[in-house]
Amino acid sequence: MKILDLHGLTHEKAELEAEDFVLMQSQVEFFECKIITGNSNKMISRITEMLDRQGFSWYIPSWNLGEIIVSY
């Protein structure tokens, strides 16, 4: 599983990086990837809203609230 870590990025830069990342990963059929957001509610919200706009499926695992698992 490919992983993108957004630690240290501004919210704007993180959203752009995450969008590029998932769009590239989605070129493979049946893909799944992980985005590490950390525990910032604002960061999580921005990333999940972008994923919804792009039509991706995602979930935040109960064992790590600072990451998002993304698929189509």
PDB file of N, CA and C in Angstrom:
ATOM      1  N   MET A   1       0.849  -1.175   0.000  1.00  0.00           N
ATOM      2  CA  MET A   1       0.000   0.000   0.000  1.00  0.00           C
ATOM      3  C   MET A   1       0.894   1.236   0.000  1.00  0.00           C
ATOM      4  N   LYS A   2       0.628   2.156  -0.912  1.00  0.00           N
ATOM      5  CA  LYS A   2       1.376   3.414  -0.979  1.00  0.00           C
ATOM      6  C   LYS A   2       0.908   4.338   0.138  1.00  0.00           C
ATOM      7  N   ILE A   3       1.844   5.132   0.672  1.00  0.00           N
ATOM      8  CA  ILE A   3       1.560   6.008   1.815  1.00  0.00           C
ATOM      9  C   ILE A   3       2.035   7.422   1.511  1.00  0.00           C
ATOM     10  N   LEU A   4       1.205   8.401   1.863  1.00  0.00           N
ATOM     11  CA  LEU A   4       1.565   9.816   1.792  1.00  0.00           C
ATOM     12  C   LEU A   4       1.477  10.392   3.196  1.00  0.00           C
ATOM     13  N   ASP A   5       2.561  11.009   3.654  1.00  0.00           N
ATOM     14  CA  ASP A   5       2.601  11.627   4.982  1.00  0.00           C
ATOM     15  C   ASP A   5       2.529  13.141   4.815  1.00  0.00           C
ATOM     16  N   LEU A   6       1.510  13.758   5.386  1.00  0.00           N
ATOM     17  CA  LEU A   6       1.283  15.197   5.233  1.00  0.00           C
ATOM     18  C   LEU A   6       1.855  16.033   6.374  1.00  0.00           C
ATOM     19  N   HIS A   7       2.533  15.410   7.309  1.00  0.00           N
ATOM     20  CA  HIS A   7       3.121  16.158   8.423  1.00  0.00           C
ATOM     21  C   HIS A   7       4.036  17.261   7.902  1.00  0.00           C
ATOM     22  N   GLY A   8       3.923  18.438   8.479  1.00  0.00           N
ATOM     23  CA  GLY A   8       4.796  19.557   8.152  1.00  0.00           C
ATOM     24  C   GLY A   8       4.325  20.416   6.994  1.00  0.00           C
ATOM     25  N   LEU A   9       3.227  20.028   6.330  1.00  0.00           N
ATOM     26  CA  LEU A   9       2.711  20.820   5.217  1.00  0.00           C
ATOM     27  C   LEU A   9       1.595  21.747   5.686  1.00  0.00           C
ATOM     28  N   THR A  10       1.439  22.872   5.000  1.00  0.00           N
ATOM     29  CA  THR A  10       0.277  23.729   5.280  1.00  0.00           C
ATOM     30  C   THR A  10      -0.974  22.987   4.832  1.00  0.00           C
ATOM     31  N   HIS A  11      -2.122  23.417   5.314  1.00  0.00           N
ATOM     32  CA  HIS A  11      -3.371  22.766   4.920  1.00  0.00           C
ATOM     33  C   HIS A  11      -3.587  22.846   3.415  1.00  0.00           C
ATOM     34  N   GLU A  12      -3.286  23.984   2.822  1.00  0.00           N
ATOM     35  CA  GLU A  12      -3.469  24.162   1.375  1.00  0.00           C
ATOM     36  C   GLU A  12      -2.551  23.231   0.591  1.00  0.00           C
ATOM     37  N   LYS A  13      -1.277  23.206   0.960  1.00  0.00           N
ATOM     38  CA  LYS A  13      -0.301  22.350   0.275  1.00  0.00           C
ATOM     39  C   LYS A  13      -0.646  20.874   0.480  1.00  0.00           C
ATOM     40  N   ALA A  14      -1.071  20.521   1.676  1.00  0.00           N
ATOM     41  CA  ALA A  14      -1.423  19.137   1.975  1.00  0.00           C
ATOM     42  C   ALA A  14      -2.602  18.676   1.124  1.00  0.00           C
ATOM     43  N   GLU A  15      -3.598  19.531   0.963  1.00  0.00           N
ATOM     44  CA  GLU A  15      -4.755  19.167   0.158  1.00  0.00           C
ATOM     45  C   GLU A  15      -4.351  18.928  -1.297  1.00  0.00           C
ATOM     46  N   LEU A  16      -3.515  19.800  -1.835  1.00  0.00           N
ATOM     47  CA  LEU A  16      -3.045  19.635  -3.213  1.00  0.00           C
ATOM     48  C   LEU A  16      -2.205  18.363  -3.371  1.00  0.00           C
ATOM     49  N   GLU A  17      -1.300  18.129  -2.428  1.00  0.00           N
ATOM     50  CA  GLU A  17      -0.454  16.925  -2.479  1.00  0.00           C
ATOM     51  C   GLU A  17      -1.314  15.660  -2.389  1.00  0.00           C
ATOM     52  N   ALA A  18      -2.289  15.668  -1.484  1.00  0.00           N
ATOM     53  CA  ALA A  18      -3.149  14.495  -1.311  1.00  0.00           C
ATOM     54  C   ALA A  18      -3.995  14.246  -2.560  1.00  0.00           C
ATOM     55  N   GLU A  19      -4.507  15.308  -3.157  1.00  0.00           N
ATOM     56  CA  GLU A  19      -5.309  15.154  -4.371  1.00  0.00           C
ATOM     57  C   GLU A  19      -4.463  14.559  -5.495  1.00  0.00           C
ATOM     58  N   ASP A  20      -3.280  15.092  -5.712  1.00  0.00           N
ATOM     59  CA  ASP A  20      -2.388  14.552  -6.739  1.00  0.00           C
ATOM     60  C   ASP A  20      -2.063  13.086  -6.456  1.00  0.00           C
ATOM     61  N   PHE A  21      -1.781  12.785  -5.197  1.00  0.00           N
ATOM     62  CA  PHE A  21      -1.413  11.430  -4.789  1.00  0.00           C
ATOM     63  C   PHE A  21      -2.526  10.430  -5.088  1.00  0.00           C
ATOM     64  N   VAL A  22      -3.751  10.716  -4.646  1.00  0.00           N
ATOM     65  CA  VAL A  22      -4.835   9.748  -4.856  1.00  0.00           C
ATOM     66  C   VAL A  22      -5.216   9.643  -6.329  1.00  0.00           C
ATOM     67  N   LEU A  23      -5.136  10.740  -7.067  1.00  0.00           N
ATOM     68  CA  LEU A  23      -5.432  10.662  -8.500  1.00  0.00           C
ATOM     69  C   LEU A  23      -4.399   9.785  -9.216  1.00  0.00           C
ATOM     70  N   MET A  24      -3.142   9.887  -8.833  1.00  0.00           N
ATOM     71  CA  MET A  24      -2.108   9.024  -9.425  1.00  0.00           C
ATOM     72  C   MET A  24      -2.313   7.567  -9.013  1.00  0.00           C
ATOM     73  N   GLN A  25      -2.593   7.334  -7.743  1.00  0.00           N
ATOM     74  CA  GLN A  25      -2.787   5.967  -7.267  1.00  0.00           C
ATOM     75  C   GLN A  25      -4.014   5.313  -7.898  1.00  0.00           C
ATOM     76  N   SER A  26      -5.027   6.102  -8.202  1.00  0.00           N
ATOM     77  CA  SER A  26      -6.283   5.560  -8.733  1.00  0.00           C
ATOM     78  C   SER A  26      -6.156   5.088 -10.178  1.00  0.00           C
ATOM     79  N   GLN A  27      -5.008   5.303 -10.800  1.00  0.00           N
ATOM     80  CA  GLN A  27      -4.785   4.816 -12.159  1.00  0.00           C
ATOM     81  C   GLN A  27      -4.671   3.289 -12.186  1.00  0.00           C
ATOM     82  N   VAL A  28      -4.423   2.696 -11.027  1.00  0.00           N
ATOM     83  CA  VAL A  28      -4.330   1.242 -10.906  1.00  0.00           C
ATOM     84  C   VAL A  28      -5.690   0.713 -10.456  1.00  0.00           C
ATOM     85  N   GLU A  29      -6.194  -0.290 -11.145  1.00  0.00           N
ATOM     86  CA  GLU A  29      -7.486  -0.865 -10.786  1.00  0.00           C
ATOM     87  C   GLU A  29      -7.418  -1.476  -9.390  1.00  0.00           C
ATOM     88  N   PHE A  30      -8.465  -1.302  -8.610  1.00  0.00           N
ATOM     89  CA  PHE A  30      -8.564  -1.841  -7.248  1.00  0.00           C
ATOM     90  C   PHE A  30      -7.452  -1.323  -6.337  1.00  0.00           C
ATOM     91  N   PHE A  31      -7.168  -0.045  -6.418  1.00  0.00           N
ATOM     92  CA  PHE A  31      -6.100   0.526  -5.601  1.00  0.00           C
ATOM     93  C   PHE A  31      -6.569   0.769  -4.166  1.00  0.00           C
ATOM     94  N   GLU A  32      -5.606   0.884  -3.290  1.00  0.00           N
ATOM     95  CA  GLU A  32      -5.841   1.313  -1.916  1.00  0.00           C
ATOM     96  C   GLU A  32      -4.565   2.027  -1.474  1.00  0.00           C
ATOM     97  N   CYS A  33      -4.733   3.161  -0.811  1.00  0.00           N
ATOM     98  CA  CYS A  33      -3.575   3.902  -0.328  1.00  0.00           C
ATOM     99  C   CYS A  33      -3.902   4.525   1.024  1.00  0.00           C
ATOM    100  N   LYS A  34      -2.857   5.020   1.673  1.00  0.00           N
ATOM    101  CA  LYS A  34      -2.999   5.588   3.007  1.00  0.00           C
ATOM    102  C   LYS A  34      -2.471   7.018   3.006  1.00  0.00           C
ATOM    103  N   ILE A  35      -3.236   7.916   3.615  1.00  0.00           N
ATOM    104  CA  ILE A  35      -2.811   9.303   3.809  1.00  0.00           C
ATOM    105  C   ILE A  35      -2.686   9.543   5.302  1.00  0.00           C
ATOM    106  N   ILE A  36      -1.492   9.915   5.738  1.00  0.00           N
ATOM    107  CA  ILE A  36      -1.257  10.214   7.143  1.00  0.00           C
ATOM    108  C   ILE A  36      -1.488  11.711   7.346  1.00  0.00           C
ATOM    109  N   THR A  37      -2.487  12.040   8.147  1.00  0.00           N
ATOM    110  CA  THR A  37      -2.865  13.437   8.368  1.00  0.00           C
ATOM    111  C   THR A  37      -2.405  13.962   9.713  1.00  0.00           C
ATOM    112  N   GLY A  38      -2.152  13.084  10.653  1.00  0.00           N
ATOM    113  CA  GLY A  38      -1.962  13.522  12.028  1.00  0.00           C
ATOM    114  C   GLY A  38      -3.332  13.747  12.647  1.00  0.00           C
ATOM    115  N   ASN A  39      -3.369  14.338  13.814  1.00  0.00           N
ATOM    116  CA  ASN A  39      -4.632  14.469  14.550  1.00  0.00           C
ATOM    117  C   ASN A  39      -5.305  15.824  14.402  1.00  0.00           C
ATOM    118  N   SER A  40      -4.933  16.592  13.400  1.00  0.00           N
ATOM    119  CA  SER A  40      -5.559  17.891  13.165  1.00  0.00           C
ATOM    120  C   SER A  40      -6.944  17.700  12.548  1.00  0.00           C
ATOM    121  N   ASN A  41      -7.963  18.104  13.274  1.00  0.00           N
ATOM    122  CA  ASN A  41      -9.329  17.982  12.751  1.00  0.00           C
ATOM    123  C   ASN A  41      -9.516  18.788  11.470  1.00  0.00           C
ATOM    124  N   LYS A  42      -8.881  19.955  11.399  1.00  0.00           N
ATOM    125  CA  LYS A  42      -8.990  20.778  10.202  1.00  0.00           C
ATOM    126  C   LYS A  42      -8.353  20.079   9.001  1.00  0.00           C
ATOM    127  N   MET A  43      -7.191  19.457   9.198  1.00  0.00           N
ATOM    128  CA  MET A  43      -6.515  18.741   8.122  1.00  0.00           C
ATOM    129  C   MET A  43      -7.366  17.558   7.660  1.00  0.00           C
ATOM    130  N   ILE A  44      -7.868  16.789   8.603  1.00  0.00           N
ATOM    131  CA  ILE A  44      -8.702  15.633   8.275  1.00  0.00           C
ATOM    132  C   ILE A  44      -9.926  16.079   7.494  1.00  0.00           C
ATOM    133  N   SER A  45     -10.555  17.148   7.926  1.00  0.00           N
ATOM    134  CA  SER A  45     -11.746  17.659   7.253  1.00  0.00           C
ATOM    135  C   SER A  45     -11.443  18.087   5.821  1.00  0.00           C
ATOM    136  N   ARG A  46     -10.367  18.818   5.627  1.00  0.00           N
ATOM    137  CA  ARG A  46     -10.005  19.271   4.274  1.00  0.00           C
ATOM    138  C   ARG A  46      -9.735  18.093   3.348  1.00  0.00           C
ATOM    139  N   ILE A  47      -9.029  17.093   3.850  1.00  0.00           N
ATOM    140  CA  ILE A  47      -8.679  15.943   3.015  1.00  0.00           C
ATOM    141  C   ILE A  47      -9.925  15.108   2.702  1.00  0.00           C
ATOM    142  N   THR A  48     -10.764  14.851   3.698  1.00  0.00           N
ATOM    143  CA  THR A  48     -11.956  14.036   3.442  1.00  0.00           C
ATOM    144  C   THR A  48     -12.950  14.762   2.532  1.00  0.00           C
ATOM    145  N   GLU A  49     -13.058  16.071   2.649  1.00  0.00           N
ATOM    146  CA  GLU A  49     -13.920  16.827   1.733  1.00  0.00           C
ATOM    147  C   GLU A  49     -13.406  16.731   0.298  1.00  0.00           C
ATOM    148  N   MET A  50     -12.093  16.810   0.112  1.00  0.00           N
ATOM    149  CA  MET A  50     -11.507  16.663  -1.226  1.00  0.00           C
ATOM    150  C   MET A  50     -11.788  15.263  -1.770  1.00  0.00           C
ATOM    151  N   LEU A  51     -11.624  14.243  -0.924  1.00  0.00           N
ATOM    152  CA  LEU A  51     -11.874  12.873  -1.359  1.00  0.00           C
ATOM    153  C   LEU A  51     -13.331  12.686  -1.771  1.00  0.00           C
ATOM    154  N   ASP A  52     -14.246  13.283  -1.022  1.00  0.00           N
ATOM    155  CA  ASP A  52     -15.670  13.219  -1.381  1.00  0.00           C
ATOM    156  C   ASP A  52     -15.923  13.902  -2.724  1.00  0.00           C
ATOM    157  N   ARG A  53     -15.340  15.079  -2.924  1.00  0.00           N
ATOM    158  CA  ARG A  53     -15.509  15.795  -4.203  1.00  0.00           C
ATOM    159  C   ARG A  53     -15.011  14.966  -5.381  1.00  0.00           C
ATOM    160  N   GLN A  54     -13.934  14.239  -5.165  1.00  0.00           N
ATOM    161  CA  GLN A  54     -13.339  13.434  -6.235  1.00  0.00           C
ATOM    162  C   GLN A  54     -14.001  12.056  -6.386  1.00  0.00           C
ATOM    163  N   GLY A  55     -14.903  11.715  -5.482  1.00  0.00           N
ATOM    164  CA  GLY A  55     -15.645  10.462  -5.590  1.00  0.00           C
ATOM    165  C   GLY A  55     -14.932   9.230  -5.068  1.00  0.00           C
ATOM    166  N   PHE A  56     -13.963   9.414  -4.176  1.00  0.00           N
ATOM    167  CA  PHE A  56     -13.245   8.280  -3.605  1.00  0.00           C
ATOM    168  C   PHE A  56     -13.959   7.750  -2.373  1.00  0.00           C
ATOM    169  N   SER A  57     -13.776   6.464  -2.109  1.00  0.00           N
ATOM    170  CA  SER A  57     -14.228   5.863  -0.856  1.00  0.00           C
ATOM    171  C   SER A  57     -13.079   5.973   0.139  1.00  0.00           C
ATOM    172  N   TRP A  58     -13.397   6.183   1.391  1.00  0.00           N
ATOM    173  CA  TRP A  58     -12.355   6.330   2.402  1.00  0.00           C
ATOM    174  C   TRP A  58     -12.918   5.978   3.770  1.00  0.00           C
ATOM    175  N   TYR A  59     -12.015   5.668   4.676  1.00  0.00           N
ATOM    176  CA  TYR A  59     -12.395   5.475   6.077  1.00  0.00           C
ATOM    177  C   TYR A  59     -11.214   5.817   6.964  1.00  0.00           C
ATOM    178  N   ILE A  60     -11.528   6.159   8.183  1.00  0.00           N
ATOM    179  CA  ILE A  60     -10.518   6.443   9.200  1.00  0.00           C
ATOM    180  C   ILE A  60     -10.544   5.263  10.170  1.00  0.00           C
ATOM    181  N   PRO A  61      -9.459   4.484  10.218  1.00  0.00           N
ATOM    182  CA  PRO A  61      -9.468   3.297  11.072  1.00  0.00           C
ATOM    183  C   PRO A  61      -9.511   3.664  12.559  1.00  0.00           C
ATOM    184  N   SER A  62     -10.235   2.874  13.322  1.00  0.00           N
ATOM    185  CA  SER A  62     -10.397   3.152  14.757  1.00  0.00           C
ATOM    186  C   SER A  62      -9.084   3.024  15.516  1.00  0.00           C
ATOM    187  N   TRP A  63      -8.150   2.256  14.989  1.00  0.00           N
ATOM    188  CA  TRP A  63      -6.867   2.057  15.672  1.00  0.00           C
ATOM    189  C   TRP A  63      -5.868   3.180  15.418  1.00  0.00           C
ATOM    190  N   ASN A  64      -6.166   4.075  14.440  1.00  0.00           N
ATOM    191  CA  ASN A  64      -5.274   5.217  14.187  1.00  0.00           C
ATOM    192  C   ASN A  64      -6.090   6.350  13.563  1.00  0.00           C
ATOM    193  N   LEU A  65      -6.526   7.289  14.379  1.00  0.00           N
ATOM    194  CA  LEU A  65      -7.377   8.373  13.915  1.00  0.00           C
ATOM    195  C   LEU A  65      -6.619   9.420  13.114  1.00  0.00           C
ATOM    196  N   GLY A  66      -5.310   9.260  12.978  1.00  0.00           N
ATOM    197  CA  GLY A  66      -4.486  10.196  12.233  1.00  0.00           C
ATOM    198  C   GLY A  66      -4.147   9.740  10.835  1.00  0.00           C
ATOM    199  N   GLU A  67      -4.923   8.775  10.315  1.00  0.00           N
ATOM    200  CA  GLU A  67      -4.695   8.322   8.939  1.00  0.00           C
ATOM    201  C   GLU A  67      -6.023   8.047   8.262  1.00  0.00           C
ATOM    202  N   ILE A  68      -5.987   8.108   6.945  1.00  0.00           N
ATOM    203  CA  ILE A  68      -7.168   7.854   6.126  1.00  0.00           C
ATOM    204  C   ILE A  68      -6.801   6.792   5.094  1.00  0.00           C
ATOM    205  N   ILE A  69      -7.613   5.757   4.991  1.00  0.00           N
ATOM    206  CA  ILE A  69      -7.417   4.721   3.978  1.00  0.00           C
ATOM    207  C   ILE A  69      -8.371   5.050   2.823  1.00  0.00           C
ATOM    208  N   VAL A  70      -7.820   5.088   1.612  1.00  0.00           N
ATOM    209  CA  VAL A  70      -8.578   5.542   0.437  1.00  0.00           C
ATOM    210  C   VAL A  70      -8.633   4.430  -0.609  1.00  0.00           C
ATOM    211  N   SER A  71      -9.790   4.302  -1.256  1.00  0.00           N
ATOM    212  CA  SER A  71      -9.950   3.367  -2.375  1.00  0.00           C
ATOM    213  C   SER A  71     -11.018   3.936  -3.307  1.00  0.00           C
ATOM    214  N   TYR A  72     -11.285   3.226  -4.393  1.00  0.00           N
ATOM    215  CA  TYR A  72     -12.329   3.663  -5.318  1.00  0.00           C
ATOM    216  C   TYR A  72     -13.613   2.965  -4.997  1.00  0.00           C
TER     217      TYR A  72
END
